[in-house]
Amino acid sequence: MNPKVKSQRRQNIRYRIRRRIGEGVAQKPRLSVFRSNSEIYVQLIDDSNGETLAAASSKDKDIAAQKGTKIEKSKLVGAAIAKKATELGLTTVTFDRGGYLYHGRVKAVADGAREGGLQF
């Protein structure tokens, strides 16, 4: 598949998802997931002010030092973002899977965040 066509298709999926879930606000931010081949990144985004409230990734020192599969590290990333959100006083978020299927590492992030105390 042509890389331009593939990236444009994923961009359209992302826009469709964002239209459906709405914008993240300060009281209920958007939990955005980006998945590369080797790493995973999550952010809590307040779209009304255009700022990132908190972020976590598999490159963080405490998570990168852990042994395990990418799925296990993704679950740790979800728990880390949940901990940062509770420190900010946030309990509910809107989950934005970013055009990825809700499966594997994306699902592991969601499960880790739920176990950490976040509600979607």
N, C-alpha and C. Protein backbone atom coordinates (compact mmCIF):
# COMPACT_ATOMS: atom_id res chain seq x y z
N MET A 1 0.84 -1.17 0.00
CA MET A 1 0.00 0.00 0.00
C MET A 1 0.89 1.25 0.00
N ASN A 2 0.49 2.21 -0.75
CA ASN A 2 1.23 3.47 -0.83
C ASN A 2 1.27 4.15 0.54
N PRO A 3 2.45 4.55 1.03
CA PRO A 3 2.54 5.16 2.36
C PRO A 3 1.69 6.41 2.52
N LYS A 4 1.58 7.22 1.45
CA LYS A 4 0.76 8.42 1.54
C LYS A 4 -0.71 8.07 1.73
N VAL A 5 -1.15 7.05 1.02
CA VAL A 5 -2.54 6.63 1.12
C VAL A 5 -2.79 6.07 2.53
N LYS A 6 -1.86 5.28 3.05
CA LYS A 6 -2.02 4.67 4.37
C LYS A 6 -2.07 5.74 5.46
N SER A 7 -1.18 6.72 5.40
CA SER A 7 -1.16 7.75 6.43
C SER A 7 -2.40 8.64 6.33
N GLN A 8 -2.86 8.92 5.12
CA GLN A 8 -4.06 9.74 4.95
C GLN A 8 -5.28 9.00 5.47
N ARG A 9 -5.34 7.70 5.25
CA ARG A 9 -6.46 6.89 5.74
C ARG A 9 -6.50 6.92 7.27
N ARG A 10 -5.33 6.77 7.90
CA ARG A 10 -5.28 6.79 9.36
C ARG A 10 -5.64 8.17 9.90
N GLN A 11 -5.22 9.22 9.19
CA GLN A 11 -5.57 10.58 9.61
C GLN A 11 -7.08 10.78 9.56
N ASN A 12 -7.74 10.27 8.52
CA ASN A 12 -9.19 10.38 8.42
C ASN A 12 -9.87 9.62 9.55
N ILE A 13 -9.34 8.46 9.91
CA ILE A 13 -9.90 7.69 11.03
C ILE A 13 -9.75 8.49 12.32
N ARG A 14 -8.59 9.12 12.52
CA ARG A 14 -8.36 9.92 13.73
C ARG A 14 -9.35 11.07 13.82
N TYR A 15 -9.58 11.76 12.71
CA TYR A 15 -10.53 12.87 12.71
C TYR A 15 -11.94 12.38 13.01
N ARG A 16 -12.31 11.24 12.46
CA ARG A 16 -13.64 10.68 12.69
C ARG A 16 -13.84 10.36 14.16
N ILE A 17 -12.81 9.74 14.77
CA ILE A 17 -12.88 9.41 16.19
C ILE A 17 -12.97 10.68 17.03
N ARG A 18 -12.16 11.68 16.71
CA ARG A 18 -12.13 12.92 17.47
C ARG A 18 -13.47 13.64 17.38
N ARG A 19 -14.13 13.60 16.20
CA ARG A 19 -15.45 14.19 16.06
C ARG A 19 -16.46 13.50 16.97
N ARG A 20 -16.32 12.20 17.09
CA ARG A 20 -17.29 11.43 17.86
C ARG A 20 -17.11 11.59 19.37
N ILE A 21 -15.85 11.59 19.83
CA ILE A 21 -15.64 11.67 21.28
C ILE A 21 -15.67 13.10 21.78
N GLY A 22 -15.52 14.07 20.91
CA GLY A 22 -15.56 15.47 21.31
C GLY A 22 -14.20 15.95 21.79
N GLU A 23 -14.19 17.18 22.26
CA GLU A 23 -12.95 17.78 22.74
C GLU A 23 -12.75 17.48 24.21
N GLY A 24 -11.49 17.40 24.59
CA GLY A 24 -11.18 17.26 26.00
C GLY A 24 -11.19 18.62 26.66
N VAL A 25 -11.76 18.70 27.84
CA VAL A 25 -11.78 19.94 28.61
C VAL A 25 -11.00 19.72 29.89
N ALA A 26 -10.80 20.77 30.67
CA ALA A 26 -9.96 20.67 31.86
C ALA A 26 -10.51 19.66 32.87
N GLN A 27 -11.84 19.55 32.98
CA GLN A 27 -12.43 18.62 33.94
C GLN A 27 -12.44 17.19 33.44
N LYS A 28 -12.51 17.02 32.13
CA LYS A 28 -12.52 15.69 31.51
C LYS A 28 -11.62 15.73 30.27
N PRO A 29 -10.30 15.60 30.47
CA PRO A 29 -9.37 15.71 29.34
C PRO A 29 -9.41 14.48 28.44
N ARG A 30 -8.80 14.64 27.29
CA ARG A 30 -8.70 13.54 26.32
C ARG A 30 -7.42 12.77 26.58
N LEU A 31 -7.53 11.46 26.74
CA LEU A 31 -6.37 10.58 26.92
C LEU A 31 -5.99 10.06 25.54
N SER A 32 -4.96 10.69 24.95
CA SER A 32 -4.55 10.39 23.59
C SER A 32 -3.41 9.38 23.59
N VAL A 33 -3.49 8.39 22.70
CA VAL A 33 -2.48 7.33 22.60
C VAL A 33 -1.77 7.42 21.27
N PHE A 34 -0.44 7.35 21.30
CA PHE A 34 0.36 7.22 20.08
C PHE A 34 1.21 5.99 20.22
N ARG A 35 1.17 5.13 19.22
CA ARG A 35 1.89 3.87 19.26
C ARG A 35 2.87 3.82 18.09
N SER A 36 4.15 3.69 18.40
CA SER A 36 5.13 3.48 17.35
C SER A 36 5.46 1.99 17.33
N ASN A 37 6.40 1.58 16.50
CA ASN A 37 6.73 0.16 16.44
C ASN A 37 7.33 -0.35 17.75
N SER A 38 8.09 0.50 18.43
CA SER A 38 8.79 0.02 19.63
C SER A 38 8.32 0.68 20.92
N GLU A 39 7.73 1.85 20.85
CA GLU A 39 7.35 2.60 22.05
C GLU A 39 5.86 2.94 22.03
N ILE A 40 5.36 3.40 23.19
CA ILE A 40 3.98 3.88 23.28
C ILE A 40 3.97 5.13 24.15
N TYR A 41 3.18 6.12 23.73
CA TYR A 41 3.12 7.40 24.40
C TYR A 41 1.66 7.75 24.67
N VAL A 42 1.38 8.33 25.84
CA VAL A 42 0.03 8.79 26.16
C VAL A 42 0.10 10.20 26.72
N GLN A 43 -0.95 10.97 26.47
CA GLN A 43 -1.04 12.35 26.96
C GLN A 43 -2.45 12.63 27.43
N LEU A 44 -2.56 13.46 28.45
CA LEU A 44 -3.84 14.02 28.85
C LEU A 44 -3.89 15.43 28.28
N ILE A 45 -4.85 15.67 27.40
CA ILE A 45 -4.89 16.91 26.63
C ILE A 45 -6.17 17.69 26.95
N ASP A 46 -5.99 18.97 27.24
CA ASP A 46 -7.10 19.91 27.40
C ASP A 46 -7.21 20.67 26.08
N ASP A 47 -8.17 20.30 25.25
CA ASP A 47 -8.28 20.90 23.92
C ASP A 47 -8.79 22.33 23.97
N SER A 48 -9.56 22.69 24.99
CA SER A 48 -10.09 24.05 25.05
C SER A 48 -8.98 25.08 25.25
N ASN A 49 -7.93 24.72 26.00
CA ASN A 49 -6.78 25.62 26.19
C ASN A 49 -5.60 25.24 25.31
N GLY A 50 -5.67 24.08 24.66
CA GLY A 50 -4.59 23.64 23.79
C GLY A 50 -3.33 23.29 24.53
N GLU A 51 -3.47 22.61 25.67
CA GLU A 51 -2.28 22.26 26.45
C GLU A 51 -2.32 20.81 26.91
N THR A 52 -1.13 20.27 27.12
CA THR A 52 -0.98 18.92 27.63
C THR A 52 -0.88 19.00 29.14
N LEU A 53 -1.76 18.29 29.84
CA LEU A 53 -1.78 18.32 31.30
C LEU A 53 -0.77 17.36 31.89
N ALA A 54 -0.63 16.18 31.29
CA ALA A 54 0.31 15.18 31.78
C ALA A 54 0.65 14.25 30.63
N ALA A 55 1.80 13.59 30.74
CA ALA A 55 2.22 12.66 29.69
C ALA A 55 3.01 11.53 30.33
N ALA A 56 2.99 10.38 29.67
CA ALA A 56 3.79 9.23 30.09
C ALA A 56 4.14 8.44 28.85
N SER A 57 5.24 7.72 28.92
CA SER A 57 5.64 6.90 27.78
C SER A 57 6.45 5.71 28.26
N SER A 58 6.69 4.79 27.35
CA SER A 58 7.49 3.61 27.68
C SER A 58 8.96 3.97 27.73
N LYS A 59 9.32 5.21 27.41
CA LYS A 59 10.70 5.66 27.51
C LYS A 59 11.03 6.23 28.89
N ASP A 60 10.02 6.41 29.74
CA ASP A 60 10.28 6.88 31.10
C ASP A 60 11.22 5.91 31.80
N LYS A 61 12.10 6.45 32.64
CA LYS A 61 13.18 5.63 33.21
C LYS A 61 12.67 4.44 34.01
N ASP A 62 11.63 4.66 34.83
CA ASP A 62 11.15 3.55 35.65
C ASP A 62 10.47 2.47 34.82
N ILE A 63 9.86 2.83 33.71
CA ILE A 63 9.20 1.84 32.85
C ILE A 63 10.21 1.17 31.92
N ALA A 64 11.15 1.95 31.39
CA ALA A 64 12.15 1.39 30.47
C ALA A 64 13.06 0.39 31.19
N ALA A 65 13.24 0.56 32.50
CA ALA A 65 14.10 -0.34 33.27
C ALA A 65 13.45 -1.69 33.51
N GLN A 66 12.13 -1.78 33.35
CA GLN A 66 11.41 -3.02 33.58
C GLN A 66 11.66 -4.01 32.45
N LYS A 67 11.75 -5.26 32.82
CA LYS A 67 11.82 -6.32 31.82
C LYS A 67 10.39 -6.73 31.48
N GLY A 68 10.18 -7.12 30.24
CA GLY A 68 8.86 -7.58 29.86
C GLY A 68 8.56 -7.25 28.42
N THR A 69 7.39 -7.68 28.00
CA THR A 69 6.96 -7.46 26.62
C THR A 69 6.45 -6.04 26.45
N LYS A 70 6.18 -5.66 25.20
CA LYS A 70 5.66 -4.33 24.93
C LYS A 70 4.26 -4.16 25.53
N ILE A 71 3.49 -5.23 25.58
CA ILE A 71 2.14 -5.15 26.15
C ILE A 71 2.22 -4.91 27.66
N GLU A 72 3.15 -5.57 28.33
CA GLU A 72 3.31 -5.36 29.77
C GLU A 72 3.77 -3.94 30.07
N LYS A 73 4.68 -3.41 29.24
CA LYS A 73 5.13 -2.04 29.43
C LYS A 73 4.00 -1.05 29.15
N SER A 74 3.14 -1.38 28.19
CA SER A 74 2.01 -0.51 27.89
C SER A 74 1.06 -0.42 29.07
N LYS A 75 0.89 -1.52 29.76
CA LYS A 75 0.03 -1.51 30.95
C LYS A 75 0.64 -0.63 32.04
N LEU A 76 1.96 -0.67 32.17
CA LEU A 76 2.64 0.20 33.13
C LEU A 76 2.50 1.67 32.75
N VAL A 77 2.52 1.97 31.45
CA VAL A 77 2.33 3.34 30.99
C VAL A 77 0.92 3.81 31.36
N GLY A 78 -0.07 2.96 31.19
CA GLY A 78 -1.44 3.31 31.58
C GLY A 78 -1.56 3.59 33.07
N ALA A 79 -0.88 2.77 33.88
CA ALA A 79 -0.90 2.99 35.33
C ALA A 79 -0.19 4.29 35.69
N ALA A 80 0.90 4.61 34.97
CA ALA A 80 1.65 5.83 35.24
C ALA A 80 0.82 7.07 34.93
N ILE A 81 0.09 7.06 33.82
CA ILE A 81 -0.73 8.22 33.47
C ILE A 81 -1.89 8.36 34.44
N ALA A 82 -2.41 7.23 34.93
CA ALA A 82 -3.49 7.29 35.92
C ALA A 82 -2.99 7.91 37.22
N LYS A 83 -1.78 7.57 37.61
CA LYS A 83 -1.19 8.14 38.83
C LYS A 83 -1.01 9.65 38.68
N LYS A 84 -0.51 10.08 37.52
CA LYS A 84 -0.32 11.51 37.28
C LYS A 84 -1.66 12.25 37.24
N ALA A 85 -2.69 11.59 36.69
CA ALA A 85 -4.01 12.22 36.62
C ALA A 85 -4.62 12.37 38.01
N THR A 86 -4.47 11.37 38.85
CA THR A 86 -5.02 11.49 40.20
C THR A 86 -4.28 12.54 41.01
N GLU A 87 -3.00 12.74 40.74
CA GLU A 87 -2.26 13.81 41.41
C GLU A 87 -2.79 15.18 40.99
N LEU A 88 -3.30 15.28 39.76
CA LEU A 88 -3.89 16.53 39.28
C LEU A 88 -5.36 16.67 39.71
N GLY A 89 -5.90 15.63 40.34
CA GLY A 89 -7.29 15.66 40.79
C GLY A 89 -8.28 15.25 39.72
N LEU A 90 -7.83 14.53 38.71
CA LEU A 90 -8.71 14.07 37.62
C LEU A 90 -9.10 12.62 37.84
N THR A 91 -10.38 12.32 37.64
CA THR A 91 -10.83 10.93 37.78
C THR A 91 -11.45 10.40 36.49
N THR A 92 -12.01 11.28 35.66
CA THR A 92 -12.64 10.84 34.42
C THR A 92 -11.91 11.45 33.22
N VAL A 93 -11.76 10.65 32.18
CA VAL A 93 -11.12 11.08 30.95
C VAL A 93 -11.91 10.54 29.77
N THR A 94 -11.62 11.06 28.60
CA THR A 94 -12.17 10.54 27.35
C THR A 94 -11.03 9.83 26.64
N PHE A 95 -11.22 8.55 26.31
CA PHE A 95 -10.16 7.76 25.70
C PHE A 95 -10.15 7.97 24.20
N ASP A 96 -8.99 8.38 23.67
CA ASP A 96 -8.80 8.60 22.23
C ASP A 96 -7.75 7.59 21.75
N ARG A 97 -8.20 6.59 21.03
CA ARG A 97 -7.29 5.53 20.60
C ARG A 97 -6.43 5.94 19.41
N GLY A 98 -6.66 7.10 18.87
CA GLY A 98 -5.79 7.68 17.85
C GLY A 98 -5.77 6.94 16.53
N GLY A 99 -6.85 6.30 16.17
CA GLY A 99 -6.90 5.61 14.89
C GLY A 99 -6.41 4.18 14.94
N TYR A 100 -5.92 3.74 16.09
CA TYR A 100 -5.46 2.36 16.24
C TYR A 100 -6.62 1.50 16.70
N LEU A 101 -6.54 0.22 16.38
CA LEU A 101 -7.56 -0.71 16.85
C LEU A 101 -7.45 -0.86 18.36
N TYR A 102 -8.58 -1.02 19.02
CA TYR A 102 -8.60 -1.22 20.47
C TYR A 102 -8.25 -2.69 20.73
N HIS A 103 -6.94 -2.94 20.67
CA HIS A 103 -6.44 -4.31 20.75
C HIS A 103 -4.97 -4.24 21.10
N GLY A 104 -4.47 -5.23 21.80
CA GLY A 104 -3.05 -5.30 22.08
C GLY A 104 -2.56 -4.21 23.00
N ARG A 105 -1.59 -3.43 22.54
CA ARG A 105 -0.96 -2.41 23.38
C ARG A 105 -1.90 -1.26 23.74
N VAL A 106 -2.78 -0.88 22.81
CA VAL A 106 -3.73 0.19 23.08
C VAL A 106 -4.71 -0.25 24.17
N LYS A 107 -5.16 -1.47 24.10
CA LYS A 107 -6.05 -2.02 25.13
C LYS A 107 -5.32 -2.14 26.46
N ALA A 108 -4.05 -2.50 26.43
CA ALA A 108 -3.27 -2.63 27.66
C ALA A 108 -3.12 -1.28 28.35
N VAL A 109 -2.94 -0.21 27.59
CA VAL A 109 -2.87 1.13 28.18
C VAL A 109 -4.19 1.45 28.87
N ALA A 110 -5.30 1.16 28.19
CA ALA A 110 -6.62 1.44 28.77
C ALA A 110 -6.84 0.63 30.04
N ASP A 111 -6.45 -0.64 30.02
CA ASP A 111 -6.62 -1.49 31.21
C ASP A 111 -5.77 -0.98 32.37
N GLY A 112 -4.54 -0.59 32.08
CA GLY A 112 -3.65 -0.06 33.12
C GLY A 112 -4.19 1.23 33.72
N ALA A 113 -4.76 2.09 32.88
CA ALA A 113 -5.34 3.34 33.36
C ALA A 113 -6.58 3.08 34.21
N ARG A 114 -7.39 2.11 33.80
CA ARG A 114 -8.58 1.78 34.60
C ARG A 114 -8.18 1.20 35.96
N GLU A 115 -7.18 0.33 35.96
CA GLU A 115 -6.72 -0.23 37.22
C GLU A 115 -6.10 0.84 38.11
N GLY A 116 -5.55 1.89 37.51
CA GLY A 116 -4.98 3.00 38.25
C GLY A 116 -6.03 3.94 38.82
N GLY A 117 -7.28 3.77 38.41
CA GLY A 117 -8.35 4.58 38.99
C GLY A 117 -9.05 5.53 38.04
N LEU A 118 -8.66 5.57 36.78
CA LEU A 118 -9.33 6.45 35.82
C LEU A 118 -10.60 5.81 35.32
N GLN A 119 -11.58 6.65 35.02
CA GLN A 119 -12.83 6.18 34.45
C GLN A 119 -12.99 6.78 33.07
N PHE A 120 -13.41 5.95 32.10
CA PHE A 120 -13.63 6.43 30.73
C PHE A 120 -15.13 6.54 30.52
